[in-house]
Amino acid sequence: MSSAPVLDFVVLYVSNLEEVCNYFTQTLGLEHLADQDTPEFRGFAGGEKGLPFGIVQASERTPRAGAVEIYLKTDNLVGLHSK
């Protein structure tokens, strides 16, 4: 892996967890990873060459619905922090 960070995971905050989960699976045909479920989280496979991602029920303890978090991966965390 290069020392440059790469996109590793994305989280979308949603206003209705089950409605969005159903839309992603039933309408878009995305693969729901049920073994990752928690009461507030649903995970999805990235598919061939895709990026895995998750949806989180927005609440007063989380970012607002519509917010997005991205997670980066690097093999040089110290070097990345020093930039």
Protein backbone atom coordinates (compact mmCIF):
# COMPACT_ATOMS: atom_id res chain seq x y z
CA MET A 1 0.00 0.00 0.00
CA SER A 2 1.17 3.49 -0.79
CA SER A 3 1.66 5.94 2.06
CA ALA A 4 -1.11 8.05 0.51
CA PRO A 5 -4.43 7.34 2.23
CA VAL A 6 -7.10 5.40 0.36
CA LEU A 7 -10.84 5.51 0.88
CA ASP A 8 -11.78 2.49 3.00
CA PHE A 9 -15.38 2.88 4.25
CA VAL A 10 -18.28 5.34 4.09
CA VAL A 11 -21.11 5.94 6.57
CA LEU A 12 -24.34 7.69 5.58
CA TYR A 13 -26.60 9.10 8.31
CA VAL A 14 -30.28 8.60 7.48
CA SER A 15 -33.64 9.65 8.94
CA ASN A 16 -35.31 6.24 8.50
CA LEU A 17 -32.95 3.28 8.78
CA GLU A 18 -35.35 0.54 7.64
CA GLU A 19 -36.77 2.56 4.75
CA VAL A 20 -33.30 3.29 3.38
CA CYS A 21 -32.15 -0.30 3.96
CA ASN A 22 -35.17 -1.60 2.04
CA TYR A 23 -34.56 0.89 -0.79
CA PHE A 24 -30.91 -0.11 -1.11
CA THR A 25 -31.69 -3.84 -1.11
CA GLN A 26 -35.05 -4.08 -2.89
CA THR A 27 -34.80 -1.21 -5.37
CA LEU A 28 -31.07 -0.91 -6.00
CA GLY A 29 -30.21 -4.58 -5.40
CA LEU A 30 -27.32 -3.90 -3.03
CA GLU A 31 -26.10 -6.69 -0.75
CA HIS A 32 -27.07 -6.10 2.88
CA LEU A 33 -24.62 -7.66 5.35
CA ALA A 34 -27.10 -8.63 8.07
CA ASP A 35 -24.36 -10.06 10.30
CA GLN A 36 -23.16 -6.47 10.82
CA ASP A 37 -26.57 -5.14 11.94
CA THR A 38 -27.04 -3.31 15.20
CA PRO A 39 -30.18 -1.43 16.25
CA GLU A 40 -28.74 1.76 14.65
CA PHE A 41 -26.53 0.39 11.83
CA ARG A 42 -26.88 -1.58 8.57
CA GLY A 43 -23.83 -2.60 6.54
CA PHE A 44 -23.59 -3.20 2.81
CA ALA A 45 -21.05 -4.98 0.62
CA GLY A 46 -19.26 -2.91 -1.94
CA GLY A 47 -19.72 -5.42 -4.73
CA GLU A 48 -17.06 -6.13 -7.31
CA LYS A 49 -14.45 -3.36 -7.01
CA GLY A 50 -16.90 -1.37 -4.88
CA LEU A 51 -16.48 0.11 -1.45
CA PRO A 52 -18.30 -1.30 1.58
CA PHE A 53 -20.48 1.23 3.35
CA GLY A 54 -22.99 1.56 6.14
CA ILE A 55 -26.06 3.51 7.06
CA VAL A 56 -26.72 4.83 10.56
CA GLN A 57 -29.97 6.05 12.08
CA ALA A 58 -29.47 9.75 12.76
CA SER A 59 -30.37 10.87 16.27
CA GLU A 60 -29.56 13.61 18.75
CA ARG A 61 -26.32 11.69 19.52
CA THR A 62 -25.13 11.51 15.89
CA PRO A 63 -24.59 13.85 12.97
CA ARG A 64 -27.82 14.95 11.26
CA ALA A 65 -29.55 12.90 8.55
CA GLY A 66 -27.78 13.51 5.26
CA ALA A 67 -24.33 13.74 6.84
CA VAL A 68 -21.55 11.51 5.53
CA GLU A 69 -18.41 10.19 7.22
CA ILE A 70 -15.48 8.78 5.27
CA TYR A 71 -12.79 6.50 6.64
CA LEU A 72 -9.31 6.38 5.16
CA LYS A 73 -6.68 3.66 5.35
CA THR A 74 -2.94 4.21 5.28
CA ASP A 75 0.16 2.23 6.16
CA ASN A 76 1.87 5.43 7.34
CA LEU A 77 -0.38 7.00 9.97
CA VAL A 78 2.49 8.90 11.62
CA GLY A 79 3.55 10.38 8.29
CA LEU A 80 -0.02 11.34 7.45
CA HIS A 81 -0.45 13.12 10.79
CA SER A 82 2.79 15.05 10.30
CA LYS A 83 1.55 16.66 7.06
